[in-house]
């Protein structure tokens, strides 16, 4: 079970990094030295999921500018991911996105991050921020019907990067607490 302040569970999954071959794997170690926003979503070709993925993709540069990478994960196959990426947004697809999607078809990674709904074989909407040393710094899990906020994810990432004490409703540019 993942725990904030401890090493993030390791993973290795096929991904859409090479959309043609679908043979490129992603591993936690690939992100060493960078922040990682790792998020799980229930299924491809659904309703809430594309709103989150496209919102993150549209603002991906803001994460990249903060030294962070983004990785989306579901229990669907890389073939389903590719079909979804190749489907235009106006047809319930993703269109081109700016980060890879990984396939947790074995459900091992969803289970390791404690977001797997066993009886349905799908992941809840879990979001994890992992620091450059591989330590889990933030986790939040939403109900399948509720999309996550890109603004809040960016705010938390920037708060973590200050290394300071950030009060409630802290925003980037504000002072951290002095002790």
N, C-alpha and C. Protein backbone atom coordinates (compact mmCIF):
# COMPACT_ATOMS: atom_id res chain seq x y z
N UNK A 1 0.85 -1.18 0.00
CA UNK A 1 0.00 0.00 0.00
C UNK A 1 0.89 1.24 0.00
N UNK A 2 0.59 2.21 -0.85
CA UNK A 2 1.43 3.41 -0.91
C UNK A 2 1.24 4.27 0.34
N UNK A 3 2.31 4.93 0.74
CA UNK A 3 2.22 5.81 1.89
C UNK A 3 3.07 7.04 1.64
N UNK A 4 2.48 8.20 1.83
CA UNK A 4 3.20 9.45 1.66
C UNK A 4 4.42 9.46 2.57
N UNK A 5 5.55 9.88 2.02
CA UNK A 5 6.80 9.93 2.77
C UNK A 5 7.65 8.68 2.61
N UNK A 6 7.11 7.68 1.94
CA UNK A 6 7.85 6.43 1.70
C UNK A 6 8.09 6.27 0.21
N UNK A 7 9.00 5.35 -0.16
CA UNK A 7 9.22 5.12 -1.60
C UNK A 7 7.93 4.71 -2.31
N UNK A 8 7.74 5.29 -3.49
CA UNK A 8 6.57 4.95 -4.30
C UNK A 8 6.70 3.51 -4.79
N UNK A 9 5.60 2.80 -4.89
CA UNK A 9 5.66 1.44 -5.44
C UNK A 9 6.26 1.46 -6.86
N UNK A 10 7.16 0.54 -7.10
CA UNK A 10 7.82 0.45 -8.40
C UNK A 10 6.82 -0.04 -9.44
N UNK A 11 7.10 0.25 -10.70
CA UNK A 11 6.24 -0.25 -11.77
C UNK A 11 7.02 -0.37 -13.07
N UNK A 12 6.46 -1.19 -13.95
CA UNK A 12 6.93 -1.34 -15.33
C UNK A 12 5.71 -1.75 -16.15
N UNK A 13 5.37 -0.91 -17.14
CA UNK A 13 4.18 -1.16 -17.96
C UNK A 13 4.45 -0.76 -19.40
N UNK A 14 3.78 -1.42 -20.33
CA UNK A 14 3.80 -0.97 -21.72
C UNK A 14 3.09 0.37 -21.80
N UNK A 15 3.52 1.20 -22.77
CA UNK A 15 2.95 2.54 -22.86
C UNK A 15 2.77 2.97 -24.31
N UNK A 16 2.23 4.15 -24.46
CA UNK A 16 2.06 4.75 -25.78
C UNK A 16 3.21 5.68 -26.13
N UNK A 17 4.34 5.56 -25.43
CA UNK A 17 5.50 6.42 -25.76
C UNK A 17 5.87 6.29 -27.22
N UNK A 18 5.81 5.08 -27.77
CA UNK A 18 5.99 4.86 -29.19
C UNK A 18 4.64 4.39 -29.71
N UNK A 19 3.87 5.32 -30.22
CA UNK A 19 2.49 5.04 -30.61
C UNK A 19 2.39 4.05 -31.77
N UNK A 20 3.45 3.94 -32.56
CA UNK A 20 3.42 3.00 -33.70
C UNK A 20 3.61 1.56 -33.24
N UNK A 21 4.67 1.31 -32.44
CA UNK A 21 4.98 -0.07 -32.06
C UNK A 21 4.30 -0.51 -30.78
N UNK A 22 4.03 0.44 -29.88
CA UNK A 22 3.45 0.16 -28.56
C UNK A 22 4.31 -0.81 -27.75
N UNK A 23 5.60 -0.82 -28.00
CA UNK A 23 6.49 -1.74 -27.30
C UNK A 23 7.36 -1.05 -26.24
N UNK A 24 7.25 0.27 -26.11
CA UNK A 24 8.09 0.97 -25.15
C UNK A 24 7.46 0.94 -23.76
N UNK A 25 8.24 0.45 -22.82
CA UNK A 25 7.77 0.37 -21.44
C UNK A 25 8.13 1.64 -20.67
N UNK A 26 7.37 1.90 -19.62
CA UNK A 26 7.69 2.97 -18.68
C UNK A 26 7.94 2.31 -17.34
N UNK A 27 8.91 2.87 -16.63
CA UNK A 27 9.28 2.36 -15.30
C UNK A 27 9.40 3.56 -14.36
N UNK A 28 9.21 3.32 -13.10
CA UNK A 28 9.39 4.39 -12.13
C UNK A 28 10.80 4.97 -12.26
N UNK A 29 11.78 4.13 -12.48
CA UNK A 29 13.17 4.59 -12.57
C UNK A 29 13.39 5.54 -13.75
N UNK A 30 12.54 5.51 -14.76
CA UNK A 30 12.65 6.44 -15.90
C UNK A 30 12.48 7.89 -15.45
N UNK A 31 11.82 8.08 -14.34
CA UNK A 31 11.50 9.43 -13.87
C UNK A 31 12.42 9.91 -12.75
N UNK A 32 13.44 9.15 -12.45
CA UNK A 32 14.42 9.54 -11.43
C UNK A 32 15.00 10.90 -11.81
N UNK A 33 15.06 11.81 -10.85
CA UNK A 33 15.58 13.14 -11.10
C UNK A 33 14.52 14.14 -11.54
N UNK A 34 13.28 13.67 -11.70
CA UNK A 34 12.16 14.54 -12.09
C UNK A 34 10.99 14.27 -11.15
N UNK A 35 10.12 15.23 -11.07
CA UNK A 35 8.85 15.00 -10.38
C UNK A 35 7.96 14.22 -11.33
N UNK A 36 7.11 13.38 -10.78
CA UNK A 36 6.17 12.61 -11.59
C UNK A 36 4.76 12.79 -11.06
N UNK A 37 3.86 13.19 -11.95
CA UNK A 37 2.43 13.20 -11.65
C UNK A 37 1.88 11.93 -12.30
N UNK A 38 1.61 10.96 -11.46
CA UNK A 38 1.11 9.65 -11.90
C UNK A 38 -0.38 9.61 -11.58
N UNK A 39 -1.20 9.41 -12.61
CA UNK A 39 -2.63 9.35 -12.33
C UNK A 39 -3.26 8.12 -12.96
N UNK A 40 -4.21 7.57 -12.24
CA UNK A 40 -4.98 6.40 -12.68
C UNK A 40 -6.38 6.88 -13.05
N UNK A 41 -6.95 6.24 -14.05
CA UNK A 41 -8.32 6.54 -14.44
C UNK A 41 -9.00 5.22 -14.77
N UNK A 42 -10.35 5.17 -14.70
CA UNK A 42 -11.05 3.89 -14.86
C UNK A 42 -10.93 3.23 -16.24
N UNK A 43 -11.36 3.89 -17.29
CA UNK A 43 -11.44 3.23 -18.59
C UNK A 43 -11.30 4.21 -19.75
N UNK A 44 -10.75 3.71 -20.86
CA UNK A 44 -10.74 4.46 -22.11
C UNK A 44 -12.17 4.56 -22.64
N UNK A 45 -12.40 5.52 -23.49
CA UNK A 45 -13.69 5.70 -24.17
C UNK A 45 -14.86 5.85 -23.20
N UNK A 46 -14.62 6.58 -22.12
CA UNK A 46 -15.70 6.84 -21.17
C UNK A 46 -15.99 8.35 -21.19
N UNK A 47 -16.59 8.88 -20.15
CA UNK A 47 -17.10 10.24 -20.19
C UNK A 47 -16.26 11.25 -19.40
N UNK A 48 -15.95 10.97 -18.15
CA UNK A 48 -15.18 11.90 -17.33
C UNK A 48 -13.69 11.82 -17.69
N UNK A 49 -13.22 10.61 -17.97
CA UNK A 49 -11.78 10.39 -18.22
C UNK A 49 -11.19 11.29 -19.30
N UNK A 50 -11.83 11.44 -20.46
CA UNK A 50 -11.21 12.29 -21.47
C UNK A 50 -11.14 13.75 -21.06
N UNK A 51 -12.06 14.20 -20.20
CA UNK A 51 -12.00 15.59 -19.76
C UNK A 51 -10.76 15.83 -18.91
N UNK A 52 -10.41 14.86 -18.09
CA UNK A 52 -9.21 14.99 -17.25
C UNK A 52 -7.94 14.90 -18.09
N UNK A 53 -7.88 13.90 -18.96
CA UNK A 53 -6.67 13.67 -19.74
C UNK A 53 -6.40 14.82 -20.68
N UNK A 54 -7.42 15.32 -21.36
CA UNK A 54 -7.20 16.44 -22.28
C UNK A 54 -6.88 17.72 -21.51
N UNK A 55 -7.48 17.91 -20.34
CA UNK A 55 -7.17 19.10 -19.53
C UNK A 55 -5.70 19.06 -19.09
N UNK A 56 -5.22 17.91 -18.66
CA UNK A 56 -3.81 17.77 -18.28
C UNK A 56 -2.91 17.98 -19.49
N UNK A 57 -3.28 17.41 -20.61
CA UNK A 57 -2.48 17.55 -21.82
C UNK A 57 -2.41 19.01 -22.28
N UNK A 58 -3.53 19.69 -22.22
CA UNK A 58 -3.56 21.09 -22.65
C UNK A 58 -2.67 21.98 -21.79
N UNK A 59 -2.43 21.56 -20.55
CA UNK A 59 -1.61 22.36 -19.63
C UNK A 59 -0.30 21.66 -19.27
N UNK A 60 0.06 20.66 -20.05
CA UNK A 60 1.26 19.87 -19.76
C UNK A 60 2.52 20.72 -19.66
N UNK A 61 2.64 21.74 -20.48
CA UNK A 61 3.84 22.57 -20.47
C UNK A 61 4.08 23.20 -19.10
N UNK A 62 3.01 23.53 -18.39
CA UNK A 62 3.15 24.09 -17.04
C UNK A 62 3.82 23.09 -16.11
N UNK A 63 3.49 21.81 -16.25
CA UNK A 63 4.13 20.76 -15.45
C UNK A 63 5.58 20.59 -15.88
N UNK A 64 5.80 20.55 -17.19
CA UNK A 64 7.17 20.39 -17.71
C UNK A 64 8.06 21.53 -17.23
N UNK A 65 7.52 22.75 -17.22
CA UNK A 65 8.30 23.91 -16.76
C UNK A 65 8.69 23.80 -15.29
N UNK A 66 7.96 22.99 -14.54
CA UNK A 66 8.26 22.76 -13.12
C UNK A 66 9.12 21.51 -12.91
N UNK A 67 9.62 20.94 -14.00
CA UNK A 67 10.46 19.75 -13.89
C UNK A 67 9.68 18.49 -13.62
N UNK A 68 8.41 18.47 -14.01
CA UNK A 68 7.55 17.32 -13.76
C UNK A 68 7.13 16.66 -15.07
N UNK A 69 6.97 15.36 -15.01
CA UNK A 69 6.43 14.57 -16.11
C UNK A 69 5.05 14.09 -15.68
N UNK A 70 4.25 13.67 -16.66
CA UNK A 70 2.90 13.18 -16.40
C UNK A 70 2.79 11.79 -17.02
N UNK A 71 2.14 10.88 -16.31
CA UNK A 71 1.89 9.54 -16.82
C UNK A 71 0.49 9.11 -16.41
N UNK A 72 -0.34 8.77 -17.41
CA UNK A 72 -1.68 8.27 -17.15
C UNK A 72 -1.70 6.76 -17.22
N UNK A 73 -2.53 6.13 -16.38
CA UNK A 73 -2.59 4.67 -16.30
C UNK A 73 -4.04 4.20 -16.18
N UNK A 74 -4.38 3.18 -16.95
CA UNK A 74 -5.64 2.46 -16.74
C UNK A 74 -5.37 0.98 -16.96
N UNK A 75 -6.38 0.18 -16.70
CA UNK A 75 -6.24 -1.27 -16.88
C UNK A 75 -6.55 -1.69 -18.32
N UNK A 76 -6.79 -0.72 -19.20
CA UNK A 76 -7.00 -1.02 -20.62
C UNK A 76 -5.67 -1.39 -21.28
N UNK A 77 -5.74 -1.97 -22.46
CA UNK A 77 -4.54 -2.34 -23.21
C UNK A 77 -3.93 -1.12 -23.91
N UNK A 78 -2.68 -1.23 -24.30
CA UNK A 78 -2.05 -0.15 -25.08
C UNK A 78 -2.75 0.00 -26.43
N UNK A 79 -3.36 -1.05 -26.93
CA UNK A 79 -4.09 -0.97 -28.20
C UNK A 79 -5.34 -0.11 -28.05
N UNK A 80 -6.02 -0.25 -26.94
CA UNK A 80 -7.17 0.59 -26.66
C UNK A 80 -6.72 2.04 -26.47
N UNK A 81 -5.61 2.24 -25.75
CA UNK A 81 -5.06 3.59 -25.57
C UNK A 81 -4.78 4.24 -26.93
N UNK A 82 -4.13 3.49 -27.81
CA UNK A 82 -3.78 4.03 -29.13
C UNK A 82 -5.05 4.40 -29.91
N UNK A 83 -6.03 3.52 -29.89
CA UNK A 83 -7.28 3.81 -30.60
C UNK A 83 -7.94 5.07 -30.04
N UNK A 84 -7.88 5.26 -28.75
CA UNK A 84 -8.48 6.43 -28.11
C UNK A 84 -7.72 7.70 -28.49
N UNK A 85 -6.40 7.62 -28.51
CA UNK A 85 -5.57 8.76 -28.92
C UNK A 85 -5.81 9.09 -30.39
N UNK A 86 -6.01 8.08 -31.20
CA UNK A 86 -6.23 8.29 -32.63
C UNK A 86 -7.66 8.72 -32.97
N UNK A 87 -8.52 8.77 -31.96
CA UNK A 87 -9.90 9.23 -32.16
C UNK A 87 -9.96 10.72 -31.82
N UNK A 88 -10.51 11.54 -32.72
CA UNK A 88 -10.59 12.98 -32.45
C UNK A 88 -11.40 13.30 -31.20
N UNK A 89 -11.07 14.43 -30.58
CA UNK A 89 -11.75 14.85 -29.36
C UNK A 89 -13.25 15.01 -29.57
N UNK A 90 -13.66 15.51 -30.73
CA UNK A 90 -15.08 15.73 -30.95
C UNK A 90 -15.86 14.44 -31.17
N UNK A 91 -15.13 13.31 -31.15
CA UNK A 91 -15.79 11.99 -31.26
C UNK A 91 -15.53 11.15 -30.00
N UNK A 92 -15.37 11.82 -28.85
CA UNK A 92 -15.11 11.20 -27.55
C UNK A 92 -13.73 10.57 -27.47
N UNK A 93 -12.82 11.02 -28.33
CA UNK A 93 -11.44 10.56 -28.27
C UNK A 93 -10.57 11.59 -27.58
N UNK A 94 -9.29 11.28 -27.53
CA UNK A 94 -8.33 12.19 -26.92
C UNK A 94 -7.64 13.08 -27.93
N UNK A 95 -7.48 12.56 -29.16
CA UNK A 95 -6.62 13.26 -30.10
C UNK A 95 -5.20 13.17 -29.58
N UNK A 96 -4.32 13.95 -30.15
CA UNK A 96 -2.92 13.93 -29.70
C UNK A 96 -2.82 14.46 -28.28
N UNK A 97 -2.07 13.75 -27.44
CA UNK A 97 -1.83 14.21 -26.07
C UNK A 97 -0.33 14.32 -25.84
N UNK A 98 0.06 15.05 -24.80
CA UNK A 98 1.46 15.42 -24.60
C UNK A 98 2.20 14.57 -23.56
N UNK A 99 1.63 13.44 -23.20
CA UNK A 99 2.27 12.52 -22.26
C UNK A 99 1.77 11.12 -22.59
N UNK A 100 2.50 10.10 -22.15
CA UNK A 100 2.08 8.74 -22.47
C UNK A 100 0.98 8.21 -21.54
N UNK A 101 0.27 7.23 -22.07
CA UNK A 101 -0.65 6.43 -21.27
C UNK A 101 -0.03 5.05 -21.14
N UNK A 102 -0.12 4.48 -19.96
CA UNK A 102 0.44 3.15 -19.71
C UNK A 102 -0.68 2.15 -19.48
N UNK A 103 -0.39 0.91 -19.81
CA UNK A 103 -1.36 -0.17 -19.68
C UNK A 103 -1.04 -1.04 -18.47
N UNK A 104 -1.93 -1.02 -17.51
CA UNK A 104 -1.82 -1.89 -16.34
C UNK A 104 -2.80 -3.05 -16.52
N UNK A 105 -2.65 -3.73 -17.64
CA UNK A 105 -3.59 -4.81 -17.98
C UNK A 105 -3.53 -5.96 -16.96
N UNK A 106 -2.39 -6.13 -16.29
CA UNK A 106 -2.27 -7.16 -15.26
C UNK A 106 -2.89 -6.72 -13.94
N UNK A 107 -3.14 -5.43 -13.81
CA UNK A 107 -3.73 -4.82 -12.62
C UNK A 107 -2.78 -4.78 -11.43
N UNK A 108 -1.53 -5.16 -11.64
CA UNK A 108 -0.55 -5.18 -10.55
C UNK A 108 -0.23 -3.78 -10.02
N UNK A 109 -0.12 -2.83 -10.91
CA UNK A 109 0.26 -1.47 -10.49
C UNK A 109 -0.93 -0.80 -9.79
N UNK A 110 -2.12 -0.96 -10.33
CA UNK A 110 -3.31 -0.40 -9.67
C UNK A 110 -3.47 -1.00 -8.28
N UNK A 111 -3.19 -2.26 -8.16
CA UNK A 111 -3.26 -2.93 -6.86
C UNK A 111 -2.18 -2.38 -5.93
N UNK A 112 -0.96 -2.21 -6.43
CA UNK A 112 0.15 -1.70 -5.61
C UNK A 112 -0.12 -0.29 -5.11
N UNK A 113 -0.80 0.52 -5.90
CA UNK A 113 -1.14 1.89 -5.50
C UNK A 113 -2.49 1.96 -4.80
N UNK A 114 -3.10 0.80 -4.55
CA UNK A 114 -4.34 0.67 -3.79
C UNK A 114 -5.50 1.45 -4.39
N UNK A 115 -5.61 1.43 -5.74
CA UNK A 115 -6.72 2.10 -6.41
C UNK A 115 -7.59 1.12 -7.21
N UNK A 116 -7.26 -0.16 -7.17
CA UNK A 116 -7.98 -1.14 -7.96
C UNK A 116 -9.31 -1.51 -7.31
N UNK A 117 -10.38 -1.44 -8.09
CA UNK A 117 -11.68 -1.95 -7.66
C UNK A 117 -11.70 -3.39 -8.18
N UNK A 118 -11.35 -4.32 -7.31
CA UNK A 118 -11.14 -5.72 -7.70
C UNK A 118 -12.32 -6.32 -8.48
N UNK A 119 -13.53 -6.12 -7.96
CA UNK A 119 -14.69 -6.77 -8.58
C UNK A 119 -15.01 -6.22 -9.97
N UNK A 120 -14.51 -5.02 -10.28
CA UNK A 120 -14.76 -4.43 -11.60
C UNK A 120 -13.52 -4.47 -12.50
N UNK A 121 -12.35 -4.69 -11.89
CA UNK A 121 -11.11 -4.75 -12.66
C UNK A 121 -10.66 -3.41 -13.22
N UNK A 122 -11.10 -2.31 -12.59
CA UNK A 122 -10.72 -0.97 -13.04
C UNK A 122 -10.16 -0.16 -11.87
N UNK A 123 -9.45 0.90 -12.22
CA UNK A 123 -8.84 1.75 -11.20
C UNK A 123 -9.76 2.92 -10.86
N UNK A 124 -9.72 3.32 -9.60
CA UNK A 124 -10.34 4.57 -9.19
C UNK A 124 -9.49 5.73 -9.73
N UNK A 125 -9.94 6.94 -9.55
CA UNK A 125 -9.19 8.12 -9.99
C UNK A 125 -8.15 8.50 -8.94
N UNK A 126 -7.04 7.77 -8.92
CA UNK A 126 -5.95 8.06 -7.99
C UNK A 126 -4.93 8.96 -8.64
N UNK A 127 -4.44 9.95 -7.91
CA UNK A 127 -3.39 10.83 -8.39
C UNK A 127 -2.28 10.86 -7.36
N UNK A 128 -1.05 10.68 -7.83
CA UNK A 128 0.11 10.58 -6.95
C UNK A 128 1.20 11.50 -7.48
N UNK A 129 1.82 12.25 -6.57
CA UNK A 129 2.98 13.06 -6.95
C UNK A 129 4.19 12.43 -6.27
N UNK A 130 5.16 12.08 -7.11
CA UNK A 130 6.37 11.40 -6.66
C UNK A 130 7.55 12.33 -6.90
N UNK A 131 8.40 12.49 -5.89
CA UNK A 131 9.51 13.43 -6.02
C UNK A 131 10.67 12.84 -6.82
N UNK A 132 11.69 13.64 -7.13
CA UNK A 132 12.79 13.16 -7.98
C UNK A 132 13.58 11.99 -7.40
N UNK A 133 13.45 11.73 -6.11
CA UNK A 133 14.14 10.59 -5.49
C UNK A 133 13.25 9.35 -5.41
N UNK A 134 12.04 9.44 -5.94
CA UNK A 134 11.13 8.29 -5.92
C UNK A 134 10.28 8.18 -4.67
N UNK A 135 10.20 9.26 -3.89
CA UNK A 135 9.41 9.25 -2.67
C UNK A 135 8.02 9.80 -2.97
N UNK A 136 7.01 9.10 -2.51
CA UNK A 136 5.63 9.54 -2.69
C UNK A 136 5.38 10.74 -1.78
N UNK A 137 4.96 11.86 -2.36
CA UNK A 137 4.75 13.10 -1.59
C UNK A 137 3.30 13.51 -1.48
N UNK A 138 2.44 12.96 -2.34
CA UNK A 138 1.03 13.37 -2.33
C UNK A 138 0.21 12.27 -2.96
N UNK A 139 -0.97 12.04 -2.40
CA UNK A 139 -1.91 11.10 -3.01
C UNK A 139 -3.33 11.54 -2.70
N UNK A 140 -4.17 11.38 -3.71
CA UNK A 140 -5.58 11.66 -3.55
C UNK A 140 -6.33 10.68 -4.44
N UNK A 141 -7.47 10.19 -3.94
CA UNK A 141 -8.27 9.24 -4.71
C UNK A 141 -9.70 9.76 -4.75
N UNK A 142 -10.23 9.87 -5.96
CA UNK A 142 -11.59 10.35 -6.18
C UNK A 142 -12.51 9.21 -6.57
N UNK A 143 -13.77 9.41 -6.36
CA UNK A 143 -14.81 8.55 -6.88
C UNK A 143 -14.73 8.58 -8.41
N UNK A 144 -15.17 7.52 -9.05
CA UNK A 144 -15.09 7.44 -10.51
C UNK A 144 -15.86 8.54 -11.23
N UNK A 145 -16.86 9.12 -10.59
CA UNK A 145 -17.70 10.13 -11.24
C UNK A 145 -17.18 11.55 -11.12
N UNK A 146 -16.08 11.76 -10.39
CA UNK A 146 -15.59 13.11 -10.13
C UNK A 146 -14.22 13.32 -10.76
N UNK A 147 -14.12 14.29 -11.65
CA UNK A 147 -12.85 14.62 -12.28
C UNK A 147 -11.96 15.43 -11.34
N UNK A 148 -10.66 15.34 -11.58
CA UNK A 148 -9.68 16.05 -10.76
C UNK A 148 -9.37 17.42 -11.34
N UNK A 149 -8.83 18.28 -10.49
CA UNK A 149 -8.52 19.65 -10.86
C UNK A 149 -7.06 19.80 -11.26
N UNK A 150 -6.83 20.29 -12.47
CA UNK A 150 -5.46 20.57 -12.91
C UNK A 150 -4.87 21.70 -12.07
N UNK A 151 -5.67 22.73 -11.77
CA UNK A 151 -5.19 23.84 -10.96
C UNK A 151 -4.70 23.35 -9.60
N UNK A 152 -5.47 22.49 -8.96
CA UNK A 152 -5.09 21.99 -7.63
C UNK A 152 -3.84 21.11 -7.72
N UNK A 153 -3.74 20.31 -8.76
CA UNK A 153 -2.55 19.47 -8.92
C UNK A 153 -1.31 20.34 -9.09
N UNK A 154 -1.39 21.37 -9.89
CA UNK A 154 -0.26 22.30 -10.06
C UNK A 154 0.06 23.00 -8.75
N UNK A 155 -0.97 23.44 -8.03
CA UNK A 155 -0.76 24.12 -6.74
C UNK A 155 -0.02 23.23 -5.76
N UNK A 156 -0.45 21.97 -5.66
CA UNK A 156 0.19 21.04 -4.73
C UNK A 156 1.62 20.76 -5.15
N UNK A 157 1.85 20.56 -6.45
CA UNK A 157 3.20 20.33 -6.95
C UNK A 157 4.12 21.50 -6.58
N UNK A 158 3.65 22.71 -6.83
CA UNK A 158 4.47 23.88 -6.50
C UNK A 158 4.67 24.02 -5.00
N UNK A 159 3.66 23.69 -4.20
CA UNK A 159 3.80 23.73 -2.74
C UNK A 159 4.87 22.73 -2.28
N UNK A 160 4.82 21.53 -2.84
CA UNK A 160 5.82 20.52 -2.48
C UNK A 160 7.22 20.99 -2.86
N UNK A 161 7.33 21.64 -3.99
CA UNK A 161 8.64 22.08 -4.47
C UNK A 161 9.22 23.22 -3.64
N UNK A 162 8.40 23.93 -2.85
CA UNK A 162 8.95 25.00 -2.00
C UNK A 162 9.80 24.41 -0.89
N UNK A 163 9.45 23.17 -0.47
CA UNK A 163 10.15 22.57 0.66
C UNK A 163 9.76 23.20 1.99
N UNK A 164 8.83 24.14 1.96
CA UNK A 164 8.43 24.85 3.17
C UNK A 164 7.08 24.41 3.68
N UNK A 165 6.63 25.14 4.68
CA UNK A 165 5.31 24.90 5.28
C UNK A 165 4.31 25.79 4.58
N UNK A 166 3.39 25.20 3.86
CA UNK A 166 2.40 25.96 3.09
C UNK A 166 1.06 25.92 3.80
N UNK A 167 0.53 27.08 4.18
CA UNK A 167 -0.74 27.10 4.89
C UNK A 167 -1.91 26.76 3.97
N UNK A 168 -3.08 26.61 4.56
CA UNK A 168 -4.30 26.35 3.78
C UNK A 168 -4.46 27.43 2.72
N UNK A 169 -4.88 27.01 1.56
CA UNK A 169 -5.13 27.90 0.43
C UNK A 169 -3.89 28.65 -0.06
N UNK A 170 -2.69 28.15 0.30
CA UNK A 170 -1.45 28.75 -0.21
C UNK A 170 -1.48 28.71 -1.72
N UNK A 171 -0.94 29.76 -2.32
CA UNK A 171 -0.84 29.83 -3.78
C UNK A 171 0.59 30.15 -4.16
N UNK A 172 1.05 29.66 -5.32
CA UNK A 172 2.40 29.97 -5.78
C UNK A 172 2.68 31.47 -5.75
N UNK A 173 3.85 31.81 -5.24
CA UNK A 173 4.24 33.20 -5.11
C UNK A 173 4.04 33.73 -3.70
N UNK A 174 3.17 33.08 -2.93
CA UNK A 174 2.96 33.51 -1.55
C UNK A 174 4.06 32.95 -0.67
N UNK A 175 4.26 33.60 0.47
CA UNK A 175 5.27 33.15 1.42
C UNK A 175 4.81 31.87 2.11
N UNK A 176 5.80 31.08 2.48
CA UNK A 176 5.51 29.90 3.30
C UNK A 176 5.57 30.35 4.77
N UNK A 177 5.15 29.48 5.65
CA UNK A 177 5.13 29.81 7.08
C UNK A 177 6.54 29.80 7.66
N UNK A 178 6.79 30.70 8.56
CA UNK A 178 8.06 30.74 9.30
C UNK A 178 7.82 30.12 10.66
N UNK A 179 8.80 29.39 11.13
CA UNK A 179 8.64 28.76 12.44
C UNK A 179 9.60 29.39 13.42
